């Protein structure tokens, strides 16, 4: 099998991922061996490769938006058979025993492991994954268009839920990358009024074409106070801007695993029971609900493809804000 492996983090322009050839792998009990059809490229992958997020394993194969077909199954597998098409996201496993798991909040499990961080991910021709975290993919989606749903889609969906937004309310999306492109389609389907802040004039235009009532820059305040905001940019300054755009009692949900910093803010901006919440990972129920909802709407994803060996190139484009929608790696 071929894989893009990370030994030591570094600036993405230094190409920290290197192509390697490894021995073929076999699934253990409860595991699936997948032939990878494609794997999405995520900002979290970039942050791992550049060292913003410390490595959990070394070397590691990044990638947590995997679409593949089952080659073989380990002992005890019951849900999937060879030939089945499955998707795998960020969550690689949980303990299933702790209070958080038992109350349905497995995303907070202290023993949770993550694809492309604790276990090798999908920047490869093959991947071994636990059956418990693999999902059947709705037939209406092709391989490439499915990949962005498995991270940007599901975490965007959880972020909307965490924000507390309800149909008919005013929702802000601050940042408009791959995850927000999916979140806006869900919000419009829920009949929310959507307001978008992003630096890119092109993305502002795209937001309007997808149903945003207003779109502007971070230095512009939306024309009406917002009932909820989801921030997608990995910037604490954007969080503060979102907070200042909130209606009394509103919530800012931070869709990020890493922020550059949390700047000092005035308590007046938080007063009147405004709230800031983080969004940590997702549950399997989140993923199942998102895939079903995406098929119902149906959600349309925007993608650009790169061959597997160009993973550094794809991540560099993401770093520079050049990616059109979501980047997806395809083994050749």
C-alpha atoms as a PDB file:
ATOM      1  CA  UNK A   1       0.000   0.000   0.000  1.00  0.00           C
ATOM      2  CA  UNK A   2       1.041   3.609  -0.569  1.00  0.00           C
ATOM      3  CA  UNK A   3       0.536   6.389   1.976  1.00  0.00           C
ATOM      4  CA  UNK A   4       1.465   9.984   2.711  1.00  0.00           C
ATOM      5  CA  UNK A   5       3.210   9.836   6.078  1.00  0.00           C
ATOM      6  CA  UNK A   6       4.044  12.557   8.603  1.00  0.00           C
ATOM      7  CA  UNK A   7       7.185  12.035  10.691  1.00  0.00           C
ATOM      8  CA  UNK A   8       7.847  15.571  11.893  1.00  0.00           C
ATOM      9  CA  UNK A   9       5.546  18.614  11.607  1.00  0.00           C
ATOM     10  CA  UNK A  10       6.728  21.621   9.652  1.00  0.00           C
ATOM     11  CA  UNK A  11       5.512  24.452   7.406  1.00  0.00           C
ATOM     12  CA  UNK A  12       3.386  22.956   4.683  1.00  0.00           C
ATOM     13  CA  UNK A  13       5.546  24.650   2.020  1.00  0.00           C
ATOM     14  CA  UNK A  14       8.412  22.448   3.255  1.00  0.00           C
ATOM     15  CA  UNK A  15       6.343  19.356   2.252  1.00  0.00           C
ATOM     16  CA  UNK A  16       6.311  17.574   5.653  1.00  0.00           C
ATOM     17  CA  UNK A  17       4.292  14.667   4.203  1.00  0.00           C
ATOM     18  CA  UNK A  18       6.329  12.084   2.339  1.00  0.00           C
ATOM     19  CA  UNK A  19       5.115   9.272   0.119  1.00  0.00           C
ATOM     20  CA  UNK A  20       5.946   5.823   1.509  1.00  0.00           C
ATOM     21  CA  UNK A  21       5.265   2.227   0.570  1.00  0.00           C
ATOM     22  CA  UNK A  22       4.189  -0.056   3.388  1.00  0.00           C
ATOM     23  CA  UNK A  23       3.422  -3.736   3.749  1.00  0.00           C
ATOM     24  CA  UNK A  24      -0.187  -4.709   3.174  1.00  0.00           C
ATOM     25  CA  UNK A  25      -2.322  -4.512   6.313  1.00  0.00           C
ATOM     26  CA  UNK A  26      -5.000  -6.849   7.671  1.00  0.00           C
ATOM     27  CA  UNK A  27      -8.028  -6.009   9.817  1.00  0.00           C
ATOM     28  CA  UNK A  28      -8.105  -7.154  13.421  1.00  0.00           C
ATOM     29  CA  UNK A  29     -11.217  -8.145  15.430  1.00  0.00           C
ATOM     30  CA  UNK A  30     -14.018  -5.652  14.852  1.00  0.00           C
ATOM     31  CA  UNK A  31     -12.107  -3.908  12.069  1.00  0.00           C
ATOM     32  CA  UNK A  32     -12.526  -3.326   8.335  1.00  0.00           C
ATOM     33  CA  UNK A  33      -9.847  -3.104   5.671  1.00  0.00           C
ATOM     34  CA  UNK A  34     -10.863  -0.459   3.157  1.00  0.00           C
ATOM     35  CA  UNK A  35      -9.652   0.258  -0.330  1.00  0.00           C
ATOM     36  CA  UNK A  36      -9.687   4.065  -0.240  1.00  0.00           C
ATOM     37  CA  UNK A  37     -11.645   5.646  -3.083  1.00  0.00           C
ATOM     38  CA  UNK A  38     -10.922   9.183  -1.877  1.00  0.00           C
ATOM     39  CA  UNK A  39     -10.198  11.199   1.244  1.00  0.00           C
ATOM     40  CA  UNK A  40     -11.120  14.794   2.003  1.00  0.00           C
ATOM     41  CA  UNK A  41      -8.538  17.382   3.068  1.00  0.00           C
ATOM     42  CA  UNK A  42      -9.356  19.277   6.265  1.00  0.00           C
ATOM     43  CA  UNK A  43      -7.874  22.272   8.090  1.00  0.00           C
ATOM     44  CA  UNK A  44      -7.303  19.955  11.051  1.00  0.00           C
ATOM     45  CA  UNK A  45      -4.975  17.904   8.822  1.00  0.00           C
ATOM     46  CA  UNK A  46      -3.075  21.110   8.061  1.00  0.00           C
ATOM     47  CA  UNK A  47      -2.837  22.006  11.754  1.00  0.00           C
ATOM     48  CA  UNK A  48      -1.487  18.518  12.564  1.00  0.00           C
ATOM     49  CA  UNK A  49       1.056  18.662   9.733  1.00  0.00           C
ATOM     50  CA  UNK A  50       2.280  22.117  10.741  1.00  0.00           C
ATOM     51  CA  UNK A  51       2.405  21.360  14.466  1.00  0.00           C
ATOM     52  CA  UNK A  52      -0.415  23.626  15.667  1.00  0.00           C
ATOM     53  CA  UNK A  53      -1.975  20.437  17.041  1.00  0.00           C
ATOM     54  CA  UNK A  54       0.605  18.179  18.773  1.00  0.00           C
ATOM     55  CA  UNK A  55       1.111  14.719  17.302  1.00  0.00           C
ATOM     56  CA  UNK A  56      -0.448  11.784  19.156  1.00  0.00           C
ATOM     57  CA  UNK A  57       1.433   9.190  17.097  1.00  0.00           C
ATOM     58  CA  UNK A  58       4.600   9.305  15.029  1.00  0.00           C
ATOM     59  CA  UNK A  59       4.685   8.620  12.135  1.00  0.00           C
ATOM     60  CA  UNK A  60       1.022   9.154  11.288  1.00  0.00           C
ATOM     61  CA  UNK A  61      -1.002   9.049   8.077  1.00  0.00           C
ATOM     62  CA  UNK A  62      -3.455  11.987   8.205  1.00  0.00           C
ATOM     63  CA  UNK A  63      -6.922  12.095   6.719  1.00  0.00           C
ATOM     64  CA  UNK A  64     -10.325  11.658   8.349  1.00  0.00           C
ATOM     65  CA  UNK A  65     -12.868  12.022   5.533  1.00  0.00           C
ATOM     66  CA  UNK A  66     -12.495   8.560   4.059  1.00  0.00           C
ATOM     67  CA  UNK A  67     -14.728   6.984   1.440  1.00  0.00           C
ATOM     68  CA  UNK A  68     -13.823   3.406   0.593  1.00  0.00           C
ATOM     69  CA  UNK A  69     -14.971  -0.106  -0.093  1.00  0.00           C
ATOM     70  CA  UNK A  70     -14.606  -3.013   2.261  1.00  0.00           C
ATOM     71  CA  UNK A  71     -11.876  -5.408   1.127  1.00  0.00           C
ATOM     72  CA  UNK A  72     -12.039  -7.729   4.134  1.00  0.00           C
ATOM     73  CA  UNK A  73     -13.503  -7.816   7.624  1.00  0.00           C
ATOM     74  CA  UNK A  74     -12.033  -8.970  10.926  1.00  0.00           C
ATOM     75  CA  UNK A  75     -13.562 -11.355  13.420  1.00  0.00           C
ATOM     76  CA  UNK A  76     -16.817 -10.153  14.956  1.00  0.00           C
ATOM     77  CA  UNK A  77     -17.780  -7.725  12.197  1.00  0.00           C
ATOM     78  CA  UNK A  78     -21.535  -7.882  11.563  1.00  0.00           C
ATOM     79  CA  UNK A  79     -22.648  -4.670   9.811  1.00  0.00           C
ATOM     80  CA  UNK A  80     -20.549  -4.688   6.647  1.00  0.00           C
ATOM     81  CA  UNK A  81     -19.320  -7.186   4.066  1.00  0.00           C
ATOM     82  CA  UNK A  82     -16.643  -7.080   1.363  1.00  0.00           C
ATOM     83  CA  UNK A  83     -17.730  -4.755  -1.429  1.00  0.00           C
ATOM     84  CA  UNK A  84     -19.814  -2.461   0.769  1.00  0.00           C
ATOM     85  CA  UNK A  85     -19.163   1.270   0.441  1.00  0.00           C
ATOM     86  CA  UNK A  86     -18.547   3.058   3.745  1.00  0.00           C
ATOM     87  CA  UNK A  87     -17.471   6.424   5.073  1.00  0.00           C
ATOM     88  CA  UNK A  88     -15.249   7.132   8.078  1.00  0.00           C
ATOM     89  CA  UNK A  89     -14.751  10.472   9.827  1.00  0.00           C
ATOM     90  CA  UNK A  90     -12.742  12.000  12.670  1.00  0.00           C
ATOM     91  CA  UNK A  91     -14.032   9.722  15.446  1.00  0.00           C
ATOM     92  CA  UNK A  92     -11.961   6.524  15.424  1.00  0.00           C
ATOM     93  CA  UNK A  93     -13.235   4.865  18.587  1.00  0.00           C
ATOM     94  CA  UNK A  94     -14.569   5.371  22.116  1.00  0.00           C
ATOM     95  CA  UNK A  95     -14.523   3.332  25.315  1.00  0.00           C
ATOM     96  CA  UNK A  96     -18.315   2.843  25.433  1.00  0.00           C
ATOM     97  CA  UNK A  97     -18.204   2.578  29.248  1.00  0.00           C
ATOM     98  CA  UNK A  98     -17.623   6.028  30.718  1.00  0.00           C
ATOM     99  CA  UNK A  99     -20.442   8.344  31.870  1.00  0.00           C
ATOM    100  CA  UNK A 100     -20.106  10.514  28.741  1.00  0.00           C
ATOM    101  CA  UNK A 101     -20.466   7.502  26.423  1.00  0.00           C
ATOM    102  CA  UNK A 102     -23.383   6.068  28.402  1.00  0.00           C
ATOM    103  CA  UNK A 103     -25.300   9.358  28.310  1.00  0.00           C
ATOM    104  CA  UNK A 104     -24.921   9.697  24.538  1.00  0.00           C
ATOM    105  CA  UNK A 105     -22.052  12.207  24.544  1.00  0.00           C
ATOM    106  CA  UNK A 106     -19.314   9.932  23.263  1.00  0.00           C
ATOM    107  CA  UNK A 107     -17.685  12.916  21.572  1.00  0.00           C
ATOM    108  CA  UNK A 108     -16.452  13.855  25.076  1.00  0.00           C
ATOM    109  CA  UNK A 109     -15.056  10.403  25.944  1.00  0.00           C
ATOM    110  CA  UNK A 110     -11.639  10.800  27.597  1.00  0.00           C
ATOM    111  CA  UNK A 111     -10.448   7.617  25.871  1.00  0.00           C
ATOM    112  CA  UNK A 112     -11.702   8.555  22.406  1.00  0.00           C
ATOM    113  CA  UNK A 113      -9.299   8.110  19.523  1.00  0.00           C
ATOM    114  CA  UNK A 114      -9.278  10.008  16.262  1.00  0.00           C
ATOM    115  CA  UNK A 115      -8.646   9.113  12.629  1.00  0.00           C
ATOM    116  CA  UNK A 116      -5.464  10.576  11.237  1.00  0.00           C
ATOM    117  CA  UNK A 117      -4.300  11.651  14.714  1.00  0.00           C
ATOM    118  CA  UNK A 118      -4.271   8.498  16.883  1.00  0.00           C
ATOM    119  CA  UNK A 119      -4.805   5.956  14.076  1.00  0.00           C
ATOM    120  CA  UNK A 120      -3.583   6.109  10.499  1.00  0.00           C
ATOM    121  CA  UNK A 121      -6.101   7.817   8.268  1.00  0.00           C
ATOM    122  CA  UNK A 122      -7.080   8.034   4.638  1.00  0.00           C
ATOM    123  CA  UNK A 123      -4.140   9.701   2.899  1.00  0.00           C
ATOM    124  CA  UNK A 124      -3.379   6.237   1.563  1.00  0.00           C
ATOM    125  CA  UNK A 125      -4.528   3.559  -0.845  1.00  0.00           C
ATOM    126  CA  UNK A 126      -5.837   1.432   2.056  1.00  0.00           C
ATOM    127  CA  UNK A 127      -6.998   2.032   5.623  1.00  0.00           C
ATOM    128  CA  UNK A 128      -7.958  -0.128   8.605  1.00  0.00           C
ATOM    129  CA  UNK A 129     -10.879   1.260  10.608  1.00  0.00           C
ATOM    130  CA  UNK A 130     -13.123   0.087  13.421  1.00  0.00           C
ATOM    131  CA  UNK A 131     -16.517  -1.114  12.252  1.00  0.00           C
ATOM    132  CA  UNK A 132     -18.217   0.849  15.044  1.00  0.00           C
ATOM    133  CA  UNK A 133     -17.243   4.197  13.466  1.00  0.00           C
ATOM    134  CA  UNK A 134     -17.955   3.347   9.815  1.00  0.00           C
ATOM    135  CA  UNK A 135     -21.159   4.559   8.148  1.00  0.00           C
ATOM    136  CA  UNK A 136     -23.182   3.408   5.174  1.00  0.00           C
ATOM    137  CA  UNK A 137     -23.283   6.114   2.492  1.00  0.00           C
ATOM    138  CA  UNK A 138     -26.609   7.121   0.891  1.00  0.00           C
ATOM    139  CA  UNK A 139     -26.781   5.894  -2.684  1.00  0.00           C
ATOM    140  CA  UNK A 140     -27.543   9.339  -4.089  1.00  0.00           C
ATOM    141  CA  UNK A 141     -24.009  10.545  -3.289  1.00  0.00           C
ATOM    142  CA  UNK A 142     -20.928   9.657  -5.305  1.00  0.00           C
ATOM    143  CA  UNK A 143     -17.578   9.015  -3.657  1.00  0.00           C
ATOM    144  CA  UNK A 144     -16.088  12.466  -4.223  1.00  0.00           C
ATOM    145  CA  UNK A 145     -19.129  14.453  -3.121  1.00  0.00           C
ATOM    146  CA  UNK A 146     -19.453  12.323   0.028  1.00  0.00           C
ATOM    147  CA  UNK A 147     -15.987  13.074   1.426  1.00  0.00           C
ATOM    148  CA  UNK A 148     -16.724  16.649   2.651  1.00  0.00           C
ATOM    149  CA  UNK A 149     -19.856  15.430   4.445  1.00  0.00           C
ATOM    150  CA  UNK A 150     -17.775  13.219   6.744  1.00  0.00           C
ATOM    151  CA  UNK A 151     -16.086  16.108   8.575  1.00  0.00           C
ATOM    152  CA  UNK A 152     -17.145  19.554   7.420  1.00  0.00           C
ATOM    153  CA  UNK A 153     -20.702  18.320   7.053  1.00  0.00           C
ATOM    154  CA  UNK A 154     -21.100  16.506  10.340  1.00  0.00           C
ATOM    155  CA  UNK A 155     -19.196  19.040  12.463  1.00  0.00           C
ATOM    156  CA  UNK A 156     -21.133  21.853  10.786  1.00  0.00           C
ATOM    157  CA  UNK A 157     -24.361  20.051  11.644  1.00  0.00           C
ATOM    158  CA  UNK A 158     -23.305  19.620  15.284  1.00  0.00           C
ATOM    159  CA  UNK A 159     -22.269  23.278  15.410  1.00  0.00           C
ATOM    160  CA  UNK A 160     -25.719  24.358  14.272  1.00  0.00           C
ATOM    161  CA  UNK A 161     -27.248  22.195  16.997  1.00  0.00           C
ATOM    162  CA  UNK A 162     -24.858  23.610  19.609  1.00  0.00           C
ATOM    163  CA  UNK A 163     -25.731  27.163  18.583  1.00  0.00           C
ATOM    164  CA  UNK A 164     -29.385  26.528  19.456  1.00  0.00           C
ATOM    165  CA  UNK A 165     -30.623  28.066  16.190  1.00  0.00           C
ATOM    166  CA  UNK A 166     -34.300  27.476  15.413  1.00  0.00           C
ATOM    167  CA  UNK A 167     -36.345  27.788  12.222  1.00  0.00           C
ATOM    168  CA  UNK A 168     -37.069  31.392  11.319  1.00  0.00           C
ATOM    169  CA  UNK A 169     -34.260  32.820  13.459  1.00  0.00           C
ATOM    170  CA  UNK A 170     -31.264  34.886  12.318  1.00  0.00           C
ATOM    171  CA  UNK A 171     -28.097  32.802  11.948  1.00  0.00           C
ATOM    172  CA  UNK A 172     -24.605  34.104  11.361  1.00  0.00           C
ATOM    173  CA  UNK A 173     -21.869  32.075   9.658  1.00  0.00           C
ATOM    174  CA  UNK A 174     -18.472  33.689  10.244  1.00  0.00           C
ATOM    175  CA  UNK A 175     -16.030  32.131   7.788  1.00  0.00           C
ATOM    176  CA  UNK A 176     -17.214  30.429   4.620  1.00  0.00           C
ATOM    177  CA  UNK A 177     -15.104  27.394   3.785  1.00  0.00           C
ATOM    178  CA  UNK A 178     -16.070  23.791   3.106  1.00  0.00           C
ATOM    179  CA  UNK A 179     -17.986  23.280   6.372  1.00  0.00           C
ATOM    180  CA  UNK A 180     -19.980  26.508   6.056  1.00  0.00           C
ATOM    181  CA  UNK A 181     -20.899  25.614   2.461  1.00  0.00           C
ATOM    182  CA  UNK A 182     -22.768  22.630   3.871  1.00  0.00           C
ATOM    183  CA  UNK A 183     -24.092  24.354   6.999  1.00  0.00           C
ATOM    184  CA  UNK A 184     -25.771  27.115   4.984  1.00  0.00           C
ATOM    185  CA  UNK A 185     -27.704  24.544   2.958  1.00  0.00           C
ATOM    186  CA  UNK A 186     -28.971  22.930   6.155  1.00  0.00           C
ATOM    187  CA  UNK A 187     -29.889  26.297   7.679  1.00  0.00           C
ATOM    188  CA  UNK A 188     -31.799  27.395   4.578  1.00  0.00           C
ATOM    189  CA  UNK A 189     -33.588  24.028   4.585  1.00  0.00           C
ATOM    190  CA  UNK A 190     -34.574  24.775   8.201  1.00  0.00           C
ATOM    191  CA  UNK A 191     -35.880  28.173   6.980  1.00  0.00           C
ATOM    192  CA  UNK A 192     -33.367  30.182   8.979  1.00  0.00           C
ATOM    193  CA  UNK A 193     -32.381  33.692   7.890  1.00  0.00           C
ATOM    194  CA  UNK A 194     -28.654  33.503   7.161  1.00  0.00           C
ATOM    195  CA  UNK A 195     -26.023  36.260   7.397  1.00  0.00           C
ATOM    196  CA  UNK A 196     -22.424  35.514   6.345  1.00  0.00           C
ATOM    197  CA  UNK A 197     -19.142  37.224   7.212  1.00  0.00           C
ATOM    198  CA  UNK A 198     -16.017  36.326   5.213  1.00  0.00           C
ATOM    199  CA  UNK A 199     -13.018  38.214   3.810  1.00  0.00           C
ATOM    200  CA  UNK A 200     -13.430  36.777   0.315  1.00  0.00           C
ATOM    201  CA  UNK A 201     -15.668  38.751  -2.038  1.00  0.00           C
ATOM    202  CA  UNK A 202     -16.057  35.592  -4.141  1.00  0.00           C
ATOM    203  CA  UNK A 203     -17.278  33.646  -1.089  1.00  0.00           C
ATOM    204  CA  UNK A 204     -19.646  36.495  -0.202  1.00  0.00           C
ATOM    205  CA  UNK A 205     -21.194  36.146  -3.646  1.00  0.00           C
ATOM    206  CA  UNK A 206     -21.376  32.369  -3.283  1.00  0.00           C
ATOM    207  CA  UNK A 207     -23.098  32.738   0.100  1.00  0.00           C
ATOM    208  CA  UNK A 208     -25.774  34.950  -1.444  1.00  0.00           C
ATOM    209  CA  UNK A 209     -26.280  32.438  -4.268  1.00  0.00           C
ATOM    210  CA  UNK A 210     -26.892  29.724  -1.644  1.00  0.00           C
ATOM    211  CA  UNK A 211     -29.548  31.735   0.168  1.00  0.00           C
ATOM    212  CA  UNK A 212     -27.734  34.154   2.473  1.00  0.00           C
ATOM    213  CA  UNK A 213     -29.802  37.269   3.106  1.00  0.00           C
ATOM    214  CA  UNK A 214     -26.648  39.366   3.591  1.00  0.00           C
ATOM    215  CA  UNK A 215     -22.900  38.806   3.173  1.00  0.00           C
ATOM    216  CA  UNK A 216     -20.008  41.090   4.114  1.00  0.00           C
ATOM    217  CA  UNK A 217     -16.552  41.268   5.670  1.00  0.00           C
ATOM    218  CA  UNK A 218     -15.509  40.696   9.281  1.00  0.00           C
ATOM    219  CA  UNK A 219     -15.211  44.469   9.700  1.00  0.00           C
ATOM    220  CA  UNK A 220     -18.889  44.870   8.809  1.00  0.00           C
ATOM    221  CA  UNK A 221     -21.622  44.162  11.321  1.00  0.00           C
ATOM    222  CA  UNK A 222     -24.684  42.325   9.930  1.00  0.00           C
ATOM    223  CA  UNK A 223     -27.678  44.645   9.499  1.00  0.00           C
ATOM    224  CA  UNK A 224     -29.648  42.923  12.259  1.00  0.00           C
ATOM    225  CA  UNK A 225     -28.598  41.356  15.583  1.00  0.00           C
ATOM    226  CA  UNK A 226     -28.205  37.589  15.258  1.00  0.00           C
ATOM    227  CA  UNK A 227     -29.866  34.894  17.356  1.00  0.00           C
ATOM    228  CA  UNK A 228     -26.911  32.522  16.913  1.00  0.00           C
ATOM    229  CA  UNK A 229     -23.540  32.444  15.182  1.00  0.00           C
ATOM    230  CA  UNK A 230     -21.249  29.618  14.135  1.00  0.00           C
ATOM    231  CA  UNK A 231     -17.606  30.624  13.612  1.00  0.00           C
ATOM    232  CA  UNK A 232     -15.513  28.576  11.186  1.00  0.00           C
ATOM    233  CA  UNK A 233     -12.311  30.643  10.988  1.00  0.00           C
ATOM    234  CA  UNK A 234      -9.531  29.522  13.393  1.00  0.00           C
ATOM    235  CA  UNK A 235      -9.238  33.060  14.757  1.00  0.00           C
ATOM    236  CA  UNK A 236     -10.148  34.393  18.181  1.00  0.00           C
ATOM    237  CA  UNK A 237     -10.735  37.838  16.659  1.00  0.00           C
ATOM    238  CA  UNK A 238     -13.546  36.357  14.580  1.00  0.00           C
ATOM    239  CA  UNK A 239     -15.125  34.928  17.747  1.00  0.00           C
ATOM    240  CA  UNK A 240     -15.170  38.411  19.294  1.00  0.00           C
ATOM    241  CA  UNK A 241     -16.669  39.902  16.124  1.00  0.00           C
ATOM    242  CA  UNK A 242     -19.372  37.232  16.213  1.00  0.00           C
ATOM    243  CA  UNK A 243     -20.109  37.940  19.859  1.00  0.00           C
ATOM    244  CA  UNK A 244     -20.608  41.642  19.114  1.00  0.00           C
ATOM    245  CA  UNK A 245     -23.123  40.753  16.388  1.00  0.00           C
ATOM    246  CA  UNK A 246     -25.329  38.734  18.775  1.00  0.00           C
ATOM    247  CA  UNK A 247     -28.787  39.522  20.018  1.00  0.00           C
ATOM    248  CA  UNK A 248     -29.345  39.333  23.776  1.00  0.00           C
ATOM    249  CA  UNK A 249     -29.423  35.696  24.877  1.00  0.00           C
ATOM    250  CA  UNK A 250     -27.684  34.506  21.698  1.00  0.00           C
ATOM    251  CA  UNK A 251     -24.921  31.910  21.373  1.00  0.00           C
ATOM    252  CA  UNK A 252     -21.637  31.749  19.471  1.00  0.00           C
ATOM    253  CA  UNK A 253     -20.639  28.146  18.645  1.00  0.00           C
ATOM    254  CA  UNK A 254     -16.939  27.803  17.777  1.00  0.00           C
ATOM    255  CA  UNK A 255     -16.411  25.221  15.033  1.00  0.00           C
ATOM    256  CA  UNK A 256     -12.668  24.691  15.546  1.00  0.00           C
ATOM    257  CA  UNK A 257     -10.285  22.257  17.205  1.00  0.00           C
ATOM    258  CA  UNK A 258      -7.621  24.987  17.403  1.00  0.00           C
ATOM    259  CA  UNK A 259      -7.760  28.806  17.638  1.00  0.00           C
ATOM    260  CA  UNK A 260      -4.818  31.140  17.288  1.00  0.00           C
ATOM    261  CA  UNK A 261      -5.795  32.836  20.574  1.00  0.00           C
ATOM    262  CA  UNK A 262      -8.727  34.205  22.560  1.00  0.00           C
ATOM    263  CA  UNK A 263      -8.250  37.985  22.705  1.00  0.00           C
ATOM    264  CA  UNK A 264      -9.288  40.179  25.595  1.00  0.00           C
ATOM    265  CA  UNK A 265     -12.920  41.204  25.311  1.00  0.00           C
ATOM    266  CA  UNK A 266     -15.231  43.611  27.058  1.00  0.00           C
ATOM    267  CA  UNK A 267     -17.723  42.070  29.444  1.00  0.00           C
ATOM    268  CA  UNK A 268     -20.313  44.347  27.849  1.00  0.00           C
ATOM    269  CA  UNK A 269     -20.070  42.159  24.730  1.00  0.00           C
ATOM    270  CA  UNK A 270     -20.914  39.051  26.790  1.00  0.00           C
ATOM    271  CA  UNK A 271     -23.524  40.673  29.047  1.00  0.00           C
ATOM    272  CA  UNK A 272     -27.246  39.990  28.598  1.00  0.00           C
ATOM    273  CA  UNK A 273     -26.759  36.230  28.806  1.00  0.00           C
ATOM    274  CA  UNK A 274     -24.870  35.890  25.569  1.00  0.00           C
ATOM    275  CA  UNK A 275     -22.835  32.663  25.484  1.00  0.00           C
ATOM    276  CA  UNK A 276     -19.751  31.172  23.832  1.00  0.00           C
ATOM    277  CA  UNK A 277     -19.626  27.383  23.417  1.00  0.00           C
ATOM    278  CA  UNK A 278     -17.079  25.082  21.842  1.00  0.00           C
ATOM    279  CA  UNK A 279     -17.867  22.234  19.471  1.00  0.00           C
ATOM    280  CA  UNK A 280     -15.822  19.138  20.250  1.00  0.00           C
ATOM    281  CA  UNK A 281     -15.856  16.278  17.745  1.00  0.00           C
ATOM    282  CA  UNK A 282     -19.180  14.566  16.998  1.00  0.00           C
ATOM    283  CA  UNK A 283     -21.179  11.485  17.937  1.00  0.00           C
ATOM    284  CA  UNK A 284     -22.098   8.609  15.666  1.00  0.00           C
ATOM    285  CA  UNK A 285     -25.703   9.757  15.952  1.00  0.00           C
ATOM    286  CA  UNK A 286     -24.663  13.182  14.602  1.00  0.00           C
ATOM    287  CA  UNK A 287     -23.076  11.508  11.577  1.00  0.00           C
ATOM    288  CA  UNK A 288     -26.075   9.285  10.889  1.00  0.00           C
ATOM    289  CA  UNK A 289     -28.492  12.219  11.167  1.00  0.00           C
ATOM    290  CA  UNK A 290     -26.345  14.412   8.930  1.00  0.00           C
ATOM    291  CA  UNK A 291     -26.027  11.812   6.182  1.00  0.00           C
ATOM    292  CA  UNK A 292     -29.793  11.218   6.185  1.00  0.00           C
ATOM    293  CA  UNK A 293     -30.538  14.958   6.162  1.00  0.00           C
ATOM    294  CA  UNK A 294     -27.974  15.644   3.438  1.00  0.00           C
ATOM    295  CA  UNK A 295     -29.656  13.033   1.232  1.00  0.00           C
ATOM    296  CA  UNK A 296     -33.087  14.516   1.942  1.00  0.00           C
ATOM    297  CA  UNK A 297     -32.190  18.147   1.076  1.00  0.00           C
ATOM    298  CA  UNK A 298     -30.038  17.133  -0.946  1.00  0.00           C
ATOM    299  CA  UNK A 299     -26.814  18.881   0.064  1.00  0.00           C
ATOM    300  CA  UNK A 300     -24.473  19.751  -2.807  1.00  0.00           C
ATOM    301  CA  UNK A 301     -20.735  19.827  -2.164  1.00  0.00           C
ATOM    302  CA  UNK A 302     -18.121  21.792  -4.095  1.00  0.00           C
ATOM    303  CA  UNK A 303     -14.841  19.931  -4.564  1.00  0.00           C
ATOM    304  CA  UNK A 304     -11.452  20.085  -6.210  1.00  0.00           C
ATOM    305  CA  UNK A 305      -9.473  16.873  -6.640  1.00  0.00           C
ATOM    306  CA  UNK A 306      -5.770  16.129  -6.248  1.00  0.00           C
ATOM    307  CA  UNK A 307      -3.810  12.891  -6.682  1.00  0.00           C
ATOM    308  CA  UNK A 308      -2.747  11.306  -3.392  1.00  0.00           C
ATOM    309  CA  UNK A 309       0.916  12.183  -3.886  1.00  0.00           C
ATOM    310  CA  UNK A 310      -0.017  15.892  -4.067  1.00  0.00           C
ATOM    311  CA  UNK A 311      -1.285  16.009  -0.481  1.00  0.00           C
ATOM    312  CA  UNK A 312       1.240  18.723   0.408  1.00  0.00           C
ATOM    313  CA  UNK A 313       0.040  20.776  -2.567  1.00  0.00           C
ATOM    314  CA  UNK A 314      -3.616  20.432  -1.536  1.00  0.00           C
ATOM    315  CA  UNK A 315      -2.814  21.457   2.036  1.00  0.00           C
ATOM    316  CA  UNK A 316      -0.773  24.398   0.777  1.00  0.00           C
ATOM    317  CA  UNK A 317      -3.723  25.634  -1.253  1.00  0.00           C
ATOM    318  CA  UNK A 318      -5.892  25.325   1.847  1.00  0.00           C
ATOM    319  CA  UNK A 319      -3.330  27.315   3.866  1.00  0.00           C
ATOM    320  CA  UNK A 320      -3.337  30.124   1.273  1.00  0.00           C
ATOM    321  CA  UNK A 321      -7.130  30.242   0.943  1.00  0.00           C
ATOM    322  CA  UNK A 322      -7.027  29.034  -2.672  1.00  0.00           C
ATOM    323  CA  UNK A 323      -9.186  25.919  -2.283  1.00  0.00           C
ATOM    324  CA  UNK A 324     -12.444  25.989  -4.194  1.00  0.00           C
ATOM    325  CA  UNK A 325     -14.887  24.345  -1.794  1.00  0.00           C
ATOM    326  CA  UNK A 326     -13.310  21.184  -0.365  1.00  0.00           C
ATOM    327  CA  UNK A 327     -10.124  19.477  -1.551  1.00  0.00           C
ATOM    328  CA  UNK A 328     -10.271  15.696  -2.017  1.00  0.00           C
ATOM    329  CA  UNK A 329      -7.323  13.342  -2.525  1.00  0.00           C
ATOM    330  CA  UNK A 330      -7.728  10.456  -4.958  1.00  0.00           C
ATOM    331  CA  UNK A 331      -5.308   7.487  -5.038  1.00  0.00           C
ATOM    332  CA  UNK A 332      -4.068   6.879  -8.589  1.00  0.00           C
END
